[in-house]
Amino acid sequence: MLNFSDVSASPDERATDNIEMRVKPSDKDRISRAAELTGVKLTTFVRASAAREAERILREHQTTTLSEHDRRALLDALDNPPRPTQAARDAVRNYRSRIANAR
């Protein structure tokens, strides 16, 4: 059986907000059958499934995967940064002249 506990929420956090949606009858039937097969209430199934999918999407967007070639290029750039261009030096000088305590 799948785990339908909300591991991302604090145990002290109470469910007080509402989300309302309209669904097709066929979707509700399918979701209801799945909830029944897993032995949980429909609201628990929908809430846990939505929270799990949200966590997956957030994790996916917080992670960058590099190829071996790109990883080497990044590490090389970090280890051997290029010298600042004149435009970069001018930008730093301009920033420091306008912002107090910019060191």
C-alpha atoms as a PDB file:
ATOM      1  CA  MET A   1       0.000   0.000   0.000  1.00  0.00           C
ATOM      2  CA  LEU A   2       1.232   3.490  -0.764  1.00  0.00           C
ATOM      3  CA  ASN A   3       2.098   5.897   2.035  1.00  0.00           C
ATOM      4  CA  PHE A   4      -0.481   8.674   2.250  1.00  0.00           C
ATOM      5  CA  SER A   5       0.945  10.522   5.241  1.00  0.00           C
ATOM      6  CA  ASP A   6       1.977  14.127   4.681  1.00  0.00           C
ATOM      7  CA  VAL A   7       5.702  13.976   5.412  1.00  0.00           C
ATOM      8  CA  SER A   8       6.346  17.564   4.258  1.00  0.00           C
ATOM      9  CA  ALA A   9       4.010  19.168   6.793  1.00  0.00           C
ATOM     10  CA  SER A  10       4.784  19.835  10.408  1.00  0.00           C
ATOM     11  CA  PRO A  11       2.860  17.486  12.732  1.00  0.00           C
ATOM     12  CA  ASP A  12       1.475  20.588  14.442  1.00  0.00           C
ATOM     13  CA  GLU A  13       0.220  22.126  11.193  1.00  0.00           C
ATOM     14  CA  ARG A  14      -3.542  21.798  10.836  1.00  0.00           C
ATOM     15  CA  ALA A  15      -5.271  21.622   7.475  1.00  0.00           C
ATOM     16  CA  THR A  16      -7.288  24.852   7.424  1.00  0.00           C
ATOM     17  CA  ASP A  17      -7.165  25.992   3.770  1.00  0.00           C
ATOM     18  CA  ASN A  18      -9.516  24.795   1.049  1.00  0.00           C
ATOM     19  CA  ILE A  19      -9.006  23.975  -2.611  1.00  0.00           C
ATOM     20  CA  GLU A  20     -12.096  23.539  -4.720  1.00  0.00           C
ATOM     21  CA  MET A  21     -12.227  22.109  -8.228  1.00  0.00           C
ATOM     22  CA  ARG A  22     -14.620  20.722 -10.740  1.00  0.00           C
ATOM     23  CA  VAL A  23     -13.817  17.364 -12.287  1.00  0.00           C
ATOM     24  CA  LYS A  24     -15.371  15.191 -14.967  1.00  0.00           C
ATOM     25  CA  PRO A  25     -17.499  12.390 -13.557  1.00  0.00           C
ATOM     26  CA  SER A  26     -15.195   9.824 -15.181  1.00  0.00           C
ATOM     27  CA  ASP A  27     -12.152  11.399 -13.484  1.00  0.00           C
ATOM     28  CA  LYS A  28     -13.886  11.384 -10.105  1.00  0.00           C
ATOM     29  CA  ASP A  29     -14.862   7.731 -10.562  1.00  0.00           C
ATOM     30  CA  ARG A  30     -11.284   6.762 -11.453  1.00  0.00           C
ATOM     31  CA  ILE A  31      -9.802   8.744  -8.540  1.00  0.00           C
ATOM     32  CA  SER A  32     -12.408   7.366  -6.143  1.00  0.00           C
ATOM     33  CA  ARG A  33     -11.640   3.786  -7.226  1.00  0.00           C
ATOM     34  CA  ALA A  34      -7.929   4.359  -6.716  1.00  0.00           C
ATOM     35  CA  ALA A  35      -8.538   5.833  -3.253  1.00  0.00           C
ATOM     36  CA  GLU A  36     -10.725   2.877  -2.370  1.00  0.00           C
ATOM     37  CA  LEU A  37      -8.095   0.388  -3.571  1.00  0.00           C
ATOM     38  CA  THR A  38      -5.489   2.035  -1.366  1.00  0.00           C
ATOM     39  CA  GLY A  39      -7.809   2.116   1.619  1.00  0.00           C
ATOM     40  CA  VAL A  40      -7.924   5.856   2.171  1.00  0.00           C
ATOM     41  CA  LYS A  41     -10.619   8.492   1.970  1.00  0.00           C
ATOM     42  CA  LEU A  42     -10.990  10.378  -1.304  1.00  0.00           C
ATOM     43  CA  THR A  43      -9.847  13.684   0.204  1.00  0.00           C
ATOM     44  CA  THR A  44      -6.767  12.051   1.736  1.00  0.00           C
ATOM     45  CA  PHE A  45      -5.914  10.422  -1.589  1.00  0.00           C
ATOM     46  CA  VAL A  46      -6.300  13.663  -3.573  1.00  0.00           C
ATOM     47  CA  ARG A  47      -4.401  15.774  -1.019  1.00  0.00           C
ATOM     48  CA  ALA A  48      -1.509  13.315  -0.704  1.00  0.00           C
ATOM     49  CA  SER A  49      -1.294  12.732  -4.455  1.00  0.00           C
ATOM     50  CA  ALA A  50      -1.274  16.467  -5.214  1.00  0.00           C
ATOM     51  CA  ALA A  51       1.310  17.160  -2.496  1.00  0.00           C
ATOM     52  CA  ARG A  52       3.551  14.337  -3.740  1.00  0.00           C
ATOM     53  CA  GLU A  53       3.356  15.614  -7.332  1.00  0.00           C
ATOM     54  CA  ALA A  54       4.054  19.181  -6.179  1.00  0.00           C
ATOM     55  CA  GLU A  55       7.159  17.987  -4.292  1.00  0.00           C
ATOM     56  CA  ARG A  56       8.355  16.069  -7.366  1.00  0.00           C
ATOM     57  CA  ILE A  57       7.941  19.112  -9.622  1.00  0.00           C
ATOM     58  CA  LEU A  58       9.624  21.458  -7.138  1.00  0.00           C
ATOM     59  CA  ARG A  59      12.543  19.032  -6.722  1.00  0.00           C
ATOM     60  CA  GLU A  60      12.855  18.682 -10.500  1.00  0.00           C
ATOM     61  CA  HIS A  61      13.068  22.452 -10.935  1.00  0.00           C
ATOM     62  CA  GLN A  62      15.605  22.866  -8.136  1.00  0.00           C
ATOM     63  CA  THR A  63      18.066  20.391  -9.617  1.00  0.00           C
ATOM     64  CA  THR A  64      20.350  20.912 -12.572  1.00  0.00           C
ATOM     65  CA  THR A  65      21.950  17.887 -14.166  1.00  0.00           C
ATOM     66  CA  LEU A  66      25.069  18.440 -16.217  1.00  0.00           C
ATOM     67  CA  SER A  67      26.681  16.189 -18.767  1.00  0.00           C
ATOM     68  CA  GLU A  68      30.241  15.124 -17.996  1.00  0.00           C
ATOM     69  CA  HIS A  69      31.529  17.649 -20.557  1.00  0.00           C
ATOM     70  CA  ASP A  70      29.499  20.507 -19.036  1.00  0.00           C
ATOM     71  CA  ARG A  71      30.501  19.502 -15.495  1.00  0.00           C
ATOM     72  CA  ARG A  72      34.186  19.681 -16.451  1.00  0.00           C
ATOM     73  CA  ALA A  73      33.671  23.051 -18.166  1.00  0.00           C
ATOM     74  CA  LEU A  74      31.923  24.456 -15.075  1.00  0.00           C
ATOM     75  CA  LEU A  75      34.590  23.213 -12.686  1.00  0.00           C
ATOM     76  CA  ASP A  76      37.321  24.546 -14.965  1.00  0.00           C
ATOM     77  CA  ALA A  77      35.638  27.961 -15.089  1.00  0.00           C
ATOM     78  CA  LEU A  78      35.385  28.002 -11.293  1.00  0.00           C
ATOM     79  CA  ASP A  79      39.004  26.938 -10.849  1.00  0.00           C
ATOM     80  CA  ASN A  80      40.312  29.265 -13.562  1.00  0.00           C
ATOM     81  CA  PRO A  81      37.990  32.264 -13.850  1.00  0.00           C
ATOM     82  CA  PRO A  82      38.625  34.609 -16.769  1.00  0.00           C
ATOM     83  CA  ARG A  83      40.094  38.034 -16.041  1.00  0.00           C
ATOM     84  CA  PRO A  84      37.426  40.732 -15.626  1.00  0.00           C
ATOM     85  CA  THR A  85      36.720  42.735 -18.749  1.00  0.00           C
ATOM     86  CA  GLN A  86      37.010  46.511 -18.777  1.00  0.00           C
ATOM     87  CA  ALA A  87      33.198  46.717 -18.779  1.00  0.00           C
ATOM     88  CA  ALA A  88      33.049  44.545 -15.634  1.00  0.00           C
ATOM     89  CA  ARG A  89      35.669  46.675 -13.875  1.00  0.00           C
ATOM     90  CA  ASP A  90      33.753  49.844 -14.852  1.00  0.00           C
ATOM     91  CA  ALA A  91      30.532  48.343 -13.526  1.00  0.00           C
ATOM     92  CA  VAL A  92      32.143  47.541 -10.158  1.00  0.00           C
ATOM     93  CA  ARG A  93      33.652  51.033  -9.934  1.00  0.00           C
ATOM     94  CA  ASN A  94      30.254  52.575 -10.799  1.00  0.00           C
ATOM     95  CA  TYR A  95      28.492  50.394  -8.212  1.00  0.00           C
ATOM     96  CA  ARG A  96      30.993  51.254  -5.484  1.00  0.00           C
ATOM     97  CA  SER A  97      30.733  54.977  -6.211  1.00  0.00           C
ATOM     98  CA  ARG A  98      26.937  54.881  -5.784  1.00  0.00           C
ATOM     99  CA  ILE A  99      26.511  52.421  -2.926  1.00  0.00           C
ATOM    100  CA  ALA A 100      27.870  53.143   0.545  1.00  0.00           C
ATOM    101  CA  ASN A 101      29.716  50.265   2.203  1.00  0.00           C
ATOM    102  CA  ALA A 102      30.112  48.426  -1.107  1.00  0.00           C
ATOM    103  CA  ARG A 103      33.373  46.600  -0.536  1.00  0.00           C
END
